[in-house]
Amino acid sequence: HGSDDLVGLDPGELVRTAVASTGLDDFGADTWRPHY
């Protein structure tokens, strides 16, 4: 049924979605971001 654009894995969009869905914006120290 699917193609890649049905379920996105854009790194910026995922971060924005996490922020919007929790109402929080502090991920703690940025040590995680290069790995992400």
Full PDB file with SEQRES, HELIX, SHEET, SSBOND, CRYST1, ORIGX, SCALE, CONECT and MASTER records, all heavy atoms in Angstrom:
SEQRES   1 A   36  HIS GLY SER ASP ASP LEU VAL GLY LEU ASP PRO GLY GLU          
SEQRES   2 A   36  LEU VAL ARG THR ALA VAL ALA SER THR GLY LEU ASP ASP          
SEQRES   3 A   36  PHE GLY ALA ASP THR TRP ARG PRO HIS TYR                      
HELIX    1 AA1 ASP A    4  LEU A    6  5                                   3    
HELIX    2 AA2 PRO A   11  THR A   22  1                                  12    
HELIX    3 AA3 ASP A   30  TRP A   32  5                                   3    
CRYST1    1.000    1.000    1.000  90.00  90.00  90.00 P 1           1          
ORIGX1      1.000000  0.000000  0.000000        0.00000                         
ORIGX2      0.000000  1.000000  0.000000        0.00000                         
ORIGX3      0.000000  0.000000  1.000000        0.00000                         
SCALE1      1.000000  0.000000  0.000000        0.00000                         
SCALE2      0.000000  1.000000  0.000000        0.00000                         
SCALE3      0.000000  0.000000  1.000000        0.00000                         
ATOM      1  N   HIS A   1       0.806  -1.217   0.000  1.00  0.00           N  
ATOM      2  CA  HIS A   1       0.000   0.000   0.000  1.00  0.00           C  
ATOM      3  C   HIS A   1       0.843   1.272   0.000  1.00  0.00           C  
ATOM      4  O   HIS A   1       0.338   2.350  -0.333  1.00  0.00           O  
ATOM      5  CB  HIS A   1      -0.896   0.045   1.256  1.00  0.00           C  
ATOM      6  CG  HIS A   1      -2.203  -0.621   1.083  1.00  0.00           C  
ATOM      7  ND1 HIS A   1      -2.338  -1.987   1.061  1.00  0.00           N  
ATOM      8  CD2 HIS A   1      -3.448  -0.118   0.923  1.00  0.00           C  
ATOM      9  CE1 HIS A   1      -3.625  -2.292   0.885  1.00  0.00           C  
ATOM     10  NE2 HIS A   1      -4.312  -1.175   0.805  1.00  0.00           N  
ATOM     11  N   GLY A   2       2.107   1.176   0.434  1.00  0.00           N  
ATOM     12  CA  GLY A   2       2.788   2.396   0.841  1.00  0.00           C  
ATOM     13  C   GLY A   2       3.934   2.833  -0.030  1.00  0.00           C  
ATOM     14  O   GLY A   2       4.477   2.096  -0.836  1.00  0.00           O  
ATOM     15  N   SER A   3       4.287   4.076   0.161  1.00  0.00           N  
ATOM     16  CA  SER A   3       5.506   4.658  -0.379  1.00  0.00           C  
ATOM     17  C   SER A   3       6.164   5.434   0.750  1.00  0.00           C  
ATOM     18  O   SER A   3       5.564   5.688   1.795  1.00  0.00           O  
ATOM     19  CB  SER A   3       5.202   5.580  -1.564  1.00  0.00           C  
ATOM     20  OG  SER A   3       4.337   6.621  -1.165  1.00  0.00           O  
ATOM     21  N   ASP A   4       7.408   5.833   0.554  1.00  0.00           N  
ATOM     22  CA  ASP A   4       8.185   6.434   1.630  1.00  0.00           C  
ATOM     23  C   ASP A   4       7.553   7.692   2.196  1.00  0.00           C  
ATOM     24  O   ASP A   4       7.701   7.982   3.387  1.00  0.00           O  
ATOM     25  CB  ASP A   4       9.596   6.748   1.132  1.00  0.00           C  
ATOM     26  CG  ASP A   4      10.419   5.479   0.889  1.00  0.00           C  
ATOM     27  OD1 ASP A   4       9.907   4.390   1.187  1.00  0.00           O  
ATOM     28  OD2 ASP A   4      11.547   5.599   0.402  1.00  0.00           O  
ATOM     29  N   ASP A   5       6.837   8.447   1.378  1.00  0.00           N  
ATOM     30  CA  ASP A   5       6.316   9.723   1.868  1.00  0.00           C  
ATOM     31  C   ASP A   5       5.091   9.560   2.769  1.00  0.00           C  
ATOM     32  O   ASP A   5       4.626  10.521   3.375  1.00  0.00           O  
ATOM     33  CB  ASP A   5       5.989  10.656   0.695  1.00  0.00           C  
ATOM     34  CG  ASP A   5       4.969  10.062  -0.274  1.00  0.00           C  
ATOM     35  OD1 ASP A   5       4.551   8.903  -0.081  1.00  0.00           O  
ATOM     36  OD2 ASP A   5       4.608  10.756  -1.236  1.00  0.00           O  
ATOM     37  N   LEU A   6       4.569   8.325   2.904  1.00  0.00           N  
ATOM     38  CA  LEU A   6       3.420   8.118   3.791  1.00  0.00           C  
ATOM     39  C   LEU A   6       3.823   8.212   5.267  1.00  0.00           C  
ATOM     40  O   LEU A   6       3.020   8.634   6.101  1.00  0.00           O  
ATOM     41  CB  LEU A   6       2.783   6.750   3.526  1.00  0.00           C  
ATOM     42  CG  LEU A   6       1.980   6.618   2.232  1.00  0.00           C  
ATOM     43  CD1 LEU A   6       1.466   5.188   2.092  1.00  0.00           C  
ATOM     44  CD2 LEU A   6       0.807   7.597   2.218  1.00  0.00           C  
ATOM     45  N   VAL A   7       5.029   7.779   5.596  1.00  0.00           N  
ATOM     46  CA  VAL A   7       5.523   7.813   6.983  1.00  0.00           C  
ATOM     47  C   VAL A   7       6.888   8.479   6.953  1.00  0.00           C  
ATOM     48  O   VAL A   7       7.889   7.875   6.579  1.00  0.00           O  
ATOM     49  CB  VAL A   7       5.628   6.397   7.580  1.00  0.00           C  
ATOM     50  CG1 VAL A   7       6.160   6.463   9.009  1.00  0.00           C  
ATOM     51  CG2 VAL A   7       4.281   5.701   7.550  1.00  0.00           C  
ATOM     52  N   GLY A   8       6.919   9.749   7.340  1.00  0.00           N  
ATOM     53  CA  GLY A   8       8.141  10.535   7.224  1.00  0.00           C  
ATOM     54  C   GLY A   8       9.149  10.247   8.322  1.00  0.00           C  
ATOM     55  O   GLY A   8       8.800   9.935   9.458  1.00  0.00           O  
ATOM     56  N   LEU A   9      10.431  10.379   7.953  1.00  0.00           N  
ATOM     57  CA  LEU A   9      11.526  10.248   8.905  1.00  0.00           C  
ATOM     58  C   LEU A   9      12.490  11.428   8.765  1.00  0.00           C  
ATOM     59  O   LEU A   9      13.709  11.276   8.856  1.00  0.00           O  
ATOM     60  CB  LEU A   9      12.271   8.918   8.677  1.00  0.00           C  
ATOM     61  CG  LEU A   9      11.508   7.646   9.059  1.00  0.00           C  
ATOM     62  CD1 LEU A   9      12.287   6.398   8.632  1.00  0.00           C  
ATOM     63  CD2 LEU A   9      11.232   7.603  10.558  1.00  0.00           C  
ATOM     64  N   ASP A  10      11.919  12.597   8.569  1.00  0.00           N  
ATOM     65  CA  ASP A  10      12.740  13.799   8.505  1.00  0.00           C  
ATOM     66  C   ASP A  10      13.159  14.174   9.931  1.00  0.00           C  
ATOM     67  O   ASP A  10      12.305  14.322  10.818  1.00  0.00           O  
ATOM     68  CB  ASP A  10      11.957  14.947   7.879  1.00  0.00           C  
ATOM     69  CG  ASP A  10      12.743  16.242   7.886  1.00  0.00           C  
ATOM     70  OD1 ASP A  10      13.621  16.394   7.029  1.00  0.00           O  
ATOM     71  OD2 ASP A  10      12.496  17.092   8.783  1.00  0.00           O  
ATOM     72  N   PRO A  11      14.457  14.335  10.198  1.00  0.00           N  
ATOM     73  CA  PRO A  11      14.904  14.560  11.576  1.00  0.00           C  
ATOM     74  C   PRO A  11      14.338  15.831  12.204  1.00  0.00           C  
ATOM     75  O   PRO A  11      13.959  15.829  13.383  1.00  0.00           O  
ATOM     76  CB  PRO A  11      16.423  14.622  11.455  1.00  0.00           C  
ATOM     77  CG  PRO A  11      16.713  14.828  10.006  1.00  0.00           C  
ATOM     78  CD  PRO A  11      15.589  14.217   9.258  1.00  0.00           C  
ATOM     79  N   GLY A  12      14.250  16.920  11.425  1.00  0.00           N  
ATOM     80  CA  GLY A  12      13.700  18.155  11.969  1.00  0.00           C  
ATOM     81  C   GLY A  12      12.220  18.054  12.264  1.00  0.00           C  
ATOM     82  O   GLY A  12      11.735  18.522  13.313  1.00  0.00           O  
ATOM     83  N   GLU A  13      11.477  17.418  11.366  1.00  0.00           N  
ATOM     84  CA  GLU A  13      10.031  17.270  11.578  1.00  0.00           C  
ATOM     85  C   GLU A  13       9.739  16.399  12.787  1.00  0.00           C  
ATOM     86  O   GLU A  13       8.809  16.674  13.562  1.00  0.00           O  
ATOM     87  CB  GLU A  13       9.397  16.665  10.323  1.00  0.00           C  
ATOM     88  CG  GLU A  13       7.879  16.505  10.401  1.00  0.00           C  
ATOM     89  CD  GLU A  13       7.452  15.167  11.022  1.00  0.00           C  
ATOM     90  OE1 GLU A  13       8.154  14.160  10.795  1.00  0.00           O  
ATOM     91  OE2 GLU A  13       6.440  15.154  11.758  1.00  0.00           O  
ATOM     92  N   LEU A  14      10.538  15.352  13.000  1.00  0.00           N  
ATOM     93  CA  LEU A  14      10.333  14.496  14.157  1.00  0.00           C  
ATOM     94  C   LEU A  14      10.557  15.262  15.463  1.00  0.00           C  
ATOM     95  O   LEU A  14       9.804  15.109  16.429  1.00  0.00           O  
ATOM     96  CB  LEU A  14      11.274  13.290  14.082  1.00  0.00           C  
ATOM     97  CG  LEU A  14      10.878  12.211  13.055  1.00  0.00           C  
ATOM     98  CD1 LEU A  14      12.056  11.303  12.748  1.00  0.00           C  
ATOM     99  CD2 LEU A  14       9.703  11.389  13.563  1.00  0.00           C  
ATOM    100  N   VAL A  15      11.579  16.092  15.503  1.00  0.00           N  
ATOM    101  CA  VAL A  15      11.821  16.911  16.692  1.00  0.00           C  
ATOM    102  C   VAL A  15      10.654  17.861  16.932  1.00  0.00           C  
ATOM    103  O   VAL A  15      10.159  18.001  18.062  1.00  0.00           O  
ATOM    104  CB  VAL A  15      13.146  17.684  16.541  1.00  0.00           C  
ATOM    105  CG1 VAL A  15      13.273  18.759  17.627  1.00  0.00           C  
ATOM    106  CG2 VAL A  15      14.339  16.734  16.606  1.00  0.00           C  
ATOM    107  N   ARG A  16      10.191  18.511  15.869  1.00  0.00           N  
ATOM    108  CA  ARG A  16       9.062  19.452  16.024  1.00  0.00           C  
ATOM    109  C   ARG A  16       7.806  18.727  16.487  1.00  0.00           C  
ATOM    110  O   ARG A  16       7.038  19.248  17.318  1.00  0.00           O  
ATOM    111  CB  ARG A  16       8.820  20.181  14.703  1.00  0.00           C  
ATOM    112  CG  ARG A  16       9.934  21.144  14.308  1.00  0.00           C  
ATOM    113  CD  ARG A  16       9.536  22.014  13.125  1.00  0.00           C  
ATOM    114  NE  ARG A  16       9.300  21.252  11.916  1.00  0.00           N  
ATOM    115  CZ  ARG A  16      10.238  20.921  11.033  1.00  0.00           C  
ATOM    116  NH1 ARG A  16      11.510  21.262  11.254  1.00  0.00           N  
ATOM    117  NH2 ARG A  16       9.950  20.243   9.948  1.00  0.00           N  
ATOM    118  N   THR A  17       7.575  17.531  15.976  1.00  0.00           N  
ATOM    119  CA  THR A  17       6.399  16.763  16.387  1.00  0.00           C  
ATOM    120  C   THR A  17       6.481  16.368  17.853  1.00  0.00           C  
ATOM    121  O   THR A  17       5.488  16.437  18.585  1.00  0.00           O  
ATOM    122  CB  THR A  17       6.254  15.507  15.505  1.00  0.00           C  
ATOM    123  OG1 THR A  17       6.055  15.910  14.142  1.00  0.00           O  
ATOM    124  CG2 THR A  17       5.074  14.656  15.943  1.00  0.00           C  
ATOM    125  N   ALA A  18       7.659  15.956  18.302  1.00  0.00           N  
ATOM    126  CA  ALA A  18       7.829  15.607  19.708  1.00  0.00           C  
ATOM    127  C   ALA A  18       7.556  16.803  20.607  1.00  0.00           C  
ATOM    128  O   ALA A  18       6.891  16.687  21.644  1.00  0.00           O  
ATOM    129  CB  ALA A  18       9.241  15.067  19.944  1.00  0.00           C  
ATOM    130  N   VAL A  19       8.052  17.959  20.214  1.00  0.00           N  
ATOM    131  CA  VAL A  19       7.826  19.184  20.993  1.00  0.00           C  
ATOM    132  C   VAL A  19       6.341  19.540  21.018  1.00  0.00           C  
ATOM    133  O   VAL A  19       5.763  19.818  22.075  1.00  0.00           O  
ATOM    134  CB  VAL A  19       8.666  20.347  20.412  1.00  0.00           C  
ATOM    135  CG1 VAL A  19       8.236  21.686  21.013  1.00  0.00           C  
ATOM    136  CG2 VAL A  19      10.154  20.105  20.649  1.00  0.00           C  
ATOM    137  N   ALA A  20       5.707  19.497  19.856  1.00  0.00           N  
ATOM    138  CA  ALA A  20       4.292  19.876  19.777  1.00  0.00           C  
ATOM    139  C   ALA A  20       3.403  18.908  20.554  1.00  0.00           C  
ATOM    140  O   ALA A  20       2.417  19.314  21.182  1.00  0.00           O  
ATOM    141  CB  ALA A  20       3.858  19.931  18.314  1.00  0.00           C  
ATOM    142  N   SER A  21       3.745  17.623  20.534  1.00  0.00           N  
ATOM    143  CA  SER A  21       2.882  16.617  21.166  1.00  0.00           C  
ATOM    144  C   SER A  21       3.020  16.593  22.687  1.00  0.00           C  
ATOM    145  O   SER A  21       2.122  16.099  23.377  1.00  0.00           O  
ATOM    146  CB  SER A  21       3.180  15.230  20.597  1.00  0.00           C  
ATOM    147  OG  SER A  21       4.507  14.844  20.893  1.00  0.00           O  
ATOM    148  N   THR A  22       4.125  17.108  23.213  1.00  0.00           N  
ATOM    149  CA  THR A  22       4.325  17.110  24.665  1.00  0.00           C  
ATOM    150  C   THR A  22       4.155  18.490  25.282  1.00  0.00           C  
ATOM    151  O   THR A  22       3.958  18.605  26.496  1.00  0.00           O  
ATOM    152  CB  THR A  22       5.743  16.606  25.018  1.00  0.00           C  
ATOM    153  OG1 THR A  22       6.713  17.474  24.403  1.00  0.00           O  
ATOM    154  CG2 THR A  22       5.950  15.171  24.555  1.00  0.00           C  
ATOM    155  N   GLY A  23       4.267  19.545  24.465  1.00  0.00           N  
ATOM    156  CA  GLY A  23       4.254  20.907  25.003  1.00  0.00           C  
ATOM    157  C   GLY A  23       5.541  21.254  25.720  1.00  0.00           C  
ATOM    158  O   GLY A  23       5.602  22.237  26.469  1.00  0.00           O  
ATOM    159  N   LEU A  24       6.594  20.483  25.500  1.00  0.00           N  
ATOM    160  CA  LEU A  24       7.892  20.693  26.137  1.00  0.00           C  
ATOM    161  C   LEU A  24       8.941  20.951  25.061  1.00  0.00           C  
ATOM    162  O   LEU A  24       8.795  20.496  23.924  1.00  0.00           O  
ATOM    163  CB  LEU A  24       8.289  19.467  26.956  1.00  0.00           C  
ATOM    164  CG  LEU A  24       7.294  19.019  28.047  1.00  0.00           C  
ATOM    165  CD1 LEU A  24       7.651  17.631  28.562  1.00  0.00           C  
ATOM    166  CD2 LEU A  24       7.256  20.030  29.185  1.00  0.00           C  
ATOM    167  N   ASP A  25      10.011  21.650  25.428  1.00  0.00           N  
ATOM    168  CA  ASP A  25      11.030  21.934  24.418  1.00  0.00           C  
ATOM    169  C   ASP A  25      12.457  21.784  24.922  1.00  0.00           C  
ATOM    170  O   ASP A  25      13.411  22.114  24.210  1.00  0.00           O  
ATOM    171  CB  ASP A  25      10.840  23.341  23.840  1.00  0.00           C  
ATOM    172  CG  ASP A  25      10.961  24.440  24.888  1.00  0.00           C  
ATOM    173  OD1 ASP A  25      11.318  24.139  26.038  1.00  0.00           O  
ATOM    174  OD2 ASP A  25      10.698  25.611  24.544  1.00  0.00           O  
ATOM    175  N   ASP A  26      12.648  21.265  26.135  1.00  0.00           N  
ATOM    176  CA  ASP A  26      13.990  21.101  26.686  1.00  0.00           C  
ATOM    177  C   ASP A  26      14.383  19.632  26.601  1.00  0.00           C  
ATOM    178  O   ASP A  26      13.875  18.792  27.346  1.00  0.00           O  
ATOM    179  CB  ASP A  26      14.018  21.589  28.142  1.00  0.00           C  
ATOM    180  CG  ASP A  26      15.418  21.527  28.748  1.00  0.00           C  
ATOM    181  OD1 ASP A  26      16.362  21.128  28.035  1.00  0.00           O  
ATOM    182  OD2 ASP A  26      15.562  21.871  29.942  1.00  0.00           O  
ATOM    183  N   PHE A  27      15.321  19.326  25.675  1.00  0.00           N  
ATOM    184  CA  PHE A  27      15.801  17.960  25.497  1.00  0.00           C  
ATOM    185  C   PHE A  27      17.002  17.654  26.393  1.00  0.00           C  
ATOM    186  O   PHE A  27      17.570  16.570  26.303  1.00  0.00           O  
ATOM    187  CB  PHE A  27      16.204  17.724  24.036  1.00  0.00           C  
ATOM    188  CG  PHE A  27      15.056  17.630  23.077  1.00  0.00           C  
ATOM    189  CD1 PHE A  27      14.640  18.746  22.368  1.00  0.00           C  
ATOM    190  CD2 PHE A  27      14.387  16.430  22.878  1.00  0.00           C  
ATOM    191  CE1 PHE A  27      13.581  18.669  21.468  1.00  0.00           C  
ATOM    192  CE2 PHE A  27      13.327  16.340  21.988  1.00  0.00           C  
ATOM    193  CZ  PHE A  27      12.922  17.464  21.281  1.00  0.00           C  
ATOM    194  N   GLY A  28      17.394  18.584  27.240  1.00  0.00           N  
ATOM    195  CA  GLY A  28      18.584  18.391  28.051  1.00  0.00           C  
ATOM    196  C   GLY A  28      19.831  18.705  27.250  1.00  0.00           C  
ATOM    197  O   GLY A  28      19.783  19.321  26.176  1.00  0.00           O  
ATOM    198  N   ALA A  29      20.978  18.291  27.760  1.00  0.00           N  
ATOM    199  CA  ALA A  29      22.254  18.549  27.086  1.00  0.00           C  
ATOM    200  C   ALA A  29      22.219  18.007  25.662  1.00  0.00           C  
ATOM    201  O   ALA A  29      21.633  16.956  25.393  1.00  0.00           O  
ATOM    202  CB  ALA A  29      23.392  17.905  27.870  1.00  0.00           C  
ATOM    203  N   ASP A  30      22.878  18.721  24.740  1.00  0.00           N  
ATOM    204  CA  ASP A  30      22.817  18.372  23.321  1.00  0.00           C  
ATOM    205  C   ASP A  30      23.735  17.208  22.934  1.00  0.00           C  
ATOM    206  O   ASP A  30      24.018  17.021  21.747  1.00  0.00           O  
ATOM    207  CB  ASP A  30      23.178  19.589  22.467  1.00  0.00           C  
ATOM    208  CG  ASP A  30      22.027  20.589  22.376  1.00  0.00           C  
ATOM    209  OD1 ASP A  30      20.881  20.192  22.655  1.00  0.00           O  
ATOM    210  OD2 ASP A  30      22.288  21.755  22.047  1.00  0.00           O  
ATOM    211  N   THR A  31      24.172  16.426  23.890  1.00  0.00           N  
ATOM    212  CA  THR A  31      25.069  15.318  23.574  1.00  0.00           C  
ATOM    213  C   THR A  31      24.446  14.308  22.617  1.00  0.00           C  
ATOM    214  O   THR A  31      25.146  13.616  21.873  1.00  0.00           O  
ATOM    215  CB  THR A  31      25.471  14.587  24.870  1.00  0.00           C  
ATOM    216  OG1 THR A  31      24.272  14.225  25.588  1.00  0.00           O  
ATOM    217  CG2 THR A  31      26.322  15.491  25.767  1.00  0.00           C  
ATOM    218  N   TRP A  32      23.124  14.226  22.629  1.00  0.00           N  
ATOM    219  CA  TRP A  32      22.412  13.237  21.817  1.00  0.00           C  
ATOM    220  C   TRP A  32      22.340  13.618  20.340  1.00  0.00           C  
ATOM    221  O   TRP A  32      22.220  12.750  19.482  1.00  0.00           O  
ATOM    222  CB  TRP A  32      20.978  13.075  22.335  1.00  0.00           C  
ATOM    223  CG  TRP A  32      20.179  14.364  22.236  1.00  0.00           C  
ATOM    224  CD1 TRP A  32      20.232  15.418  23.091  1.00  0.00           C  
ATOM    225  CD2 TRP A  32      19.244  14.719  21.209  1.00  0.00           C  
ATOM    226  NE1 TRP A  32      19.375  16.419  22.685  1.00  0.00           N  
ATOM    227  CE2 TRP A  32      18.757  16.009  21.530  1.00  0.00           C  
ATOM    228  CE3 TRP A  32      18.757  14.067  20.078  1.00  0.00           C  
ATOM    229  CZ2 TRP A  32      17.814  16.661  20.736  1.00  0.00           C  
ATOM    230  CZ3 TRP A  32      17.814  14.721  19.284  1.00  0.00           C  
ATOM    231  CH2 TRP A  32      17.360  16.006  19.620  1.00  0.00           C  
ATOM    232  N   ARG A  33      22.393  14.909  20.050  1.00  0.00           N  
ATOM    233  CA  ARG A  33      22.038  15.379  18.707  1.00  0.00           C  
ATOM    234  C   ARG A  33      22.972  14.864  17.602  1.00  0.00           C  
ATOM    235  O   ARG A  33      22.470  14.469  16.527  1.00  0.00           O  
ATOM    236  CB  ARG A  33      21.969  16.911  18.686  1.00  0.00           C  
ATOM    237  CG  ARG A  33      21.362  17.471  17.387  1.00  0.00           C  
ATOM    238  CD  ARG A  33      19.929  17.025  17.202  1.00  0.00           C  
ATOM    239  NE  ARG A  33      19.456  17.194  15.852  1.00  0.00           N  
ATOM    240  CZ  ARG A  33      18.406  17.965  15.496  1.00  0.00           C  
ATOM    241  NH1 ARG A  33      17.748  18.636  16.425  1.00  0.00           N  
ATOM    242  NH2 ARG A  33      18.021  18.043  14.252  1.00  0.00           N  
ATOM    243  N   PRO A  34      24.299  14.837  17.792  1.00  0.00           N  
ATOM    244  CA  PRO A  34      25.125  14.280  16.709  1.00  0.00           C  
ATOM    245  C   PRO A  34      24.788  12.827  16.393  1.00  0.00           C  
ATOM    246  O   PRO A  34      24.769  12.427  15.213  1.00  0.00           O  
ATOM    247  CB  PRO A  34      26.549  14.426  17.265  1.00  0.00           C  
ATOM    248  CG  PRO A  34      26.468  15.529  18.266  1.00  0.00           C  
ATOM    249  CD  PRO A  34      25.112  15.394  18.883  1.00  0.00           C  
ATOM    250  N   HIS A  35      24.520  12.026  17.427  1.00  0.00           N  
ATOM    251  CA  HIS A  35      24.158  10.610  17.195  1.00  0.00           C  
ATOM    252  C   HIS A  35      22.827  10.523  16.453  1.00  0.00           C  
ATOM    253  O   HIS A  35      22.660   9.700  15.542  1.00  0.00           O  
ATOM    254  CB  HIS A  35      24.059   9.868  18.525  1.00  0.00           C  
ATOM    255  CG  HIS A  35      25.176  10.158  19.488  1.00  0.00           C  
ATOM    256  ND1 HIS A  35      26.500  10.107  19.122  1.00  0.00           N  
ATOM    257  CD2 HIS A  35      25.148  10.499  20.817  1.00  0.00           C  
ATOM    258  CE1 HIS A  35      27.253  10.402  20.178  1.00  0.00           C  
ATOM    259  NE2 HIS A  35      26.450  10.642  21.208  1.00  0.00           N  
ATOM    260  N   TYR A  36      21.897  11.355  16.852  1.00  0.00           N  
ATOM    261  CA  TYR A  36      20.565  11.384  16.231  1.00  0.00           C  
ATOM    262  C   TYR A  36      20.671  11.718  14.741  1.00  0.00           C  
ATOM    263  O   TYR A  36      20.058  11.052  13.895  1.00  0.00           O  
ATOM    264  CB  TYR A  36      19.709  12.420  16.955  1.00  0.00           C  
ATOM    265  CG  TYR A  36      18.369  12.723  16.336  1.00  0.00           C  
ATOM    266  CD1 TYR A  36      17.272  11.897  16.562  1.00  0.00           C  
ATOM    267  CD2 TYR A  36      18.185  13.858  15.547  1.00  0.00           C  
ATOM    268  CE1 TYR A  36      16.030  12.194  16.016  1.00  0.00           C  
ATOM    269  CE2 TYR A  36      16.946  14.166  14.999  1.00  0.00           C  
ATOM    270  CZ  TYR A  36      15.872  13.332  15.231  1.00  0.00           C  
ATOM    271  OH  TYR A  36      14.639  13.635  14.694  1.00  0.00           O  
TER     272      TYR A  36                                                      
MASTER        0    0    0    3    0    0    0    6  271    1    0    3          
END                                                                             
